[in-house]
């Protein structure tokens, strides 16, 4: 086979456009002893392809391997369920705190309740006034901006 024809087949091969018969021709050419000197760099590559086709997997594949993985999955699911069940029981058996009426701000004396309410409202009012001062600065900024833009 001519060197030009092999070079064209190599170009097609590297572009991925060769047929199976053309690849067989390339493999036969590079496995022969009369390879053109400028194409000898490809001889090792096609030699490897030929050698790789004859390799066989020598390890035995266990038919029970799939069954073992399924058993492992089921054991994992069962262990997870037992763990969740145990955590649920432990949380349920934790000691409960007793409710004390004084903790929630209830008062029996109306005068004390009025004083506590006034303290709370004064605190809210104080913080609200700080917020209103900040808004007044924003209003002053808007008024200045309008005067400059007119």
Protein backbone atom coordinates (compact mmCIF):
# COMPACT_ATOMS: atom_id res chain seq x y z
CA UNK A 1 0.00 0.00 0.00
CA UNK A 2 1.33 3.46 -0.84
CA UNK A 3 2.72 5.88 1.73
CA UNK A 4 0.38 8.66 0.55
CA UNK A 5 -2.66 6.44 1.00
CA UNK A 6 -1.53 5.50 4.54
CA UNK A 7 -0.96 9.18 5.40
CA UNK A 8 -4.49 10.02 4.21
CA UNK A 9 -5.92 7.14 6.24
CA UNK A 10 -3.96 8.37 9.30
CA UNK A 11 -5.45 11.86 8.90
CA UNK A 12 -8.93 10.38 8.67
CA UNK A 13 -8.16 8.14 11.67
CA UNK A 14 -7.13 11.05 13.88
CA UNK A 15 -10.22 13.00 12.81
CA UNK A 16 -12.36 9.99 13.74
CA UNK A 17 -13.72 9.49 10.23
CA UNK A 18 -12.32 6.06 9.31
CA UNK A 19 -14.36 2.94 8.80
CA UNK A 20 -13.60 -0.37 10.48
CA UNK A 21 -12.05 -1.73 7.27
CA UNK A 22 -9.77 1.32 6.98
CA UNK A 23 -8.66 0.90 10.59
CA UNK A 24 -7.94 -2.78 9.90
CA UNK A 25 -5.78 -1.72 6.92
CA UNK A 26 -3.85 0.69 9.16
CA UNK A 27 -3.38 -1.99 11.82
CA UNK A 28 -2.16 -4.52 9.24
CA UNK A 29 0.22 -1.96 7.68
CA UNK A 30 1.79 -0.95 11.00
CA UNK A 31 2.12 -4.57 12.19
CA UNK A 32 4.13 -5.44 9.05
CA UNK A 33 7.91 -5.10 8.82
CA UNK A 34 8.00 -2.64 5.89
CA UNK A 35 6.74 0.61 7.48
CA UNK A 36 7.96 3.86 5.96
CA UNK A 37 10.62 5.54 8.16
CA UNK A 38 8.62 8.75 8.66
CA UNK A 39 5.58 6.71 9.82
CA UNK A 40 7.39 4.44 12.29
CA UNK A 41 6.37 6.69 15.18
CA UNK A 42 2.80 5.36 14.80
CA UNK A 43 3.90 1.72 14.77
CA UNK A 44 4.04 1.49 18.59
CA UNK A 45 0.55 2.94 18.93
CA UNK A 46 -1.05 0.45 16.54
CA UNK A 47 1.02 -2.35 18.07
CA UNK A 48 -0.43 -1.49 21.45
CA UNK A 49 -3.96 -1.58 20.02
CA UNK A 50 -3.33 -5.06 18.61
CA UNK A 51 -1.87 -6.27 21.90
CA UNK A 52 -4.72 -4.72 23.92
CA UNK A 53 -7.31 -6.62 21.89
CA UNK A 54 -5.84 -9.96 22.95
CA UNK A 55 -5.88 -9.16 26.68
CA UNK A 56 -8.47 -10.92 28.80
CA UNK A 57 -9.73 -10.22 32.29
CA UNK A 58 -8.39 -12.99 34.51
CA UNK A 59 -10.17 -12.39 37.82
CA UNK A 60 -13.34 -14.27 38.67
CA UNK A 61 -16.47 -12.24 39.12
CA UNK A 62 -18.56 -13.46 42.01
CA UNK A 63 -22.21 -13.93 41.06
CA UNK A 64 -23.22 -13.19 44.66
CA UNK A 65 -21.58 -9.75 44.67
CA UNK A 66 -24.86 -8.01 43.81
CA UNK A 67 -26.74 -9.97 46.44
CA UNK A 68 -24.15 -9.03 49.08
CA UNK A 69 -24.51 -5.32 48.31
CA UNK A 70 -28.31 -5.61 48.58
CA UNK A 71 -27.95 -7.27 51.99
CA UNK A 72 -25.60 -4.51 53.10
CA UNK A 73 -28.12 -1.86 52.06
CA UNK A 74 -30.95 -3.58 53.96
CA UNK A 75 -28.79 -3.94 57.08
CA UNK A 76 -27.92 -0.24 56.87
CA UNK A 77 -31.59 0.72 56.59
CA UNK A 78 -32.51 -1.51 59.53
CA UNK A 79 -29.71 -0.07 61.68
CA UNK A 80 -30.83 3.48 60.84
CA UNK A 81 -34.43 2.72 61.83
CA UNK A 82 -33.35 1.17 65.15
CA UNK A 83 -31.15 4.20 65.85
CA UNK A 84 -33.96 6.66 65.08
CA UNK A 85 -36.39 4.66 67.25
CA UNK A 86 -33.90 4.70 70.13
CA UNK A 87 -33.34 8.45 69.86
CA UNK A 88 -37.10 9.04 69.84
CA UNK A 89 -37.58 7.01 73.01
CA UNK A 90 -34.65 8.81 74.70
CA UNK A 91 -36.09 12.24 73.86
CA UNK A 92 -39.52 11.21 75.07
CA UNK A 93 -38.12 10.08 78.43
CA UNK A 94 -36.25 13.34 79.14
CA UNK A 95 -37.45 15.05 82.33
CA UNK A 96 -39.97 17.78 81.63
CA UNK A 97 -39.68 21.21 83.29
CA UNK A 98 -42.63 22.27 85.38
CA UNK A 99 -44.38 25.46 84.34
CA UNK A 100 -44.16 28.26 86.88
CA UNK A 101 -46.69 31.05 86.57
CA UNK A 102 -44.18 33.76 87.63
CA UNK A 103 -41.87 32.99 84.68
CA UNK A 104 -44.32 34.23 82.10
CA UNK A 105 -44.81 37.78 83.45
CA UNK A 106 -48.16 37.33 85.11
CA UNK A 107 -49.02 39.51 88.12
CA UNK A 108 -51.73 39.27 90.71
CA UNK A 109 -51.49 42.91 91.82
CA UNK A 110 -52.93 45.41 89.25
CA UNK A 111 -50.73 48.29 90.47
CA UNK A 112 -47.52 46.28 89.94
CA UNK A 113 -48.79 45.23 86.51
CA UNK A 114 -49.43 48.89 85.61
CA UNK A 115 -45.93 49.92 86.70
CA UNK A 116 -44.29 47.08 84.73
CA UNK A 117 -46.34 47.92 81.65
CA UNK A 118 -45.33 51.58 81.88
CA UNK A 119 -41.66 50.59 82.15
CA UNK A 120 -41.99 48.42 79.03
CA UNK A 121 -43.81 51.15 77.08
CA UNK A 122 -41.19 53.76 78.13
CA UNK A 123 -38.44 51.49 76.83
CA UNK A 124 -40.27 50.99 73.51
CA UNK A 125 -40.90 54.74 73.23
CA UNK A 126 -37.23 55.54 73.87
CA UNK A 127 -36.06 53.24 71.09
CA UNK A 128 -38.79 54.46 68.77
CA UNK A 129 -37.68 58.09 69.26
CA UNK A 130 -34.11 57.15 68.26
CA UNK A 131 -35.47 55.65 65.06
CA UNK A 132 -37.59 58.75 64.33
CA UNK A 133 -34.51 61.00 64.68
CA UNK A 134 -32.74 58.91 62.04
CA UNK A 135 -35.71 59.26 59.70
CA UNK A 136 -35.72 63.05 60.18
CA UNK A 137 -32.12 63.13 58.86
CA UNK A 138 -33.29 61.26 55.78
CA UNK A 139 -36.13 63.78 55.27
CA UNK A 140 -33.66 66.69 55.58
CA UNK A 141 -31.44 65.02 52.99
CA UNK A 142 -34.38 64.61 50.60
CA UNK A 143 -35.38 68.29 51.01
CA UNK A 144 -31.80 69.44 50.33
CA UNK A 145 -31.57 67.21 47.29
CA UNK A 146 -34.79 68.61 45.86
CA UNK A 147 -33.57 72.21 46.31
CA UNK A 148 -30.25 71.46 44.58
CA UNK A 149 -31.88 69.66 41.66
CA UNK A 150 -34.38 72.52 41.03
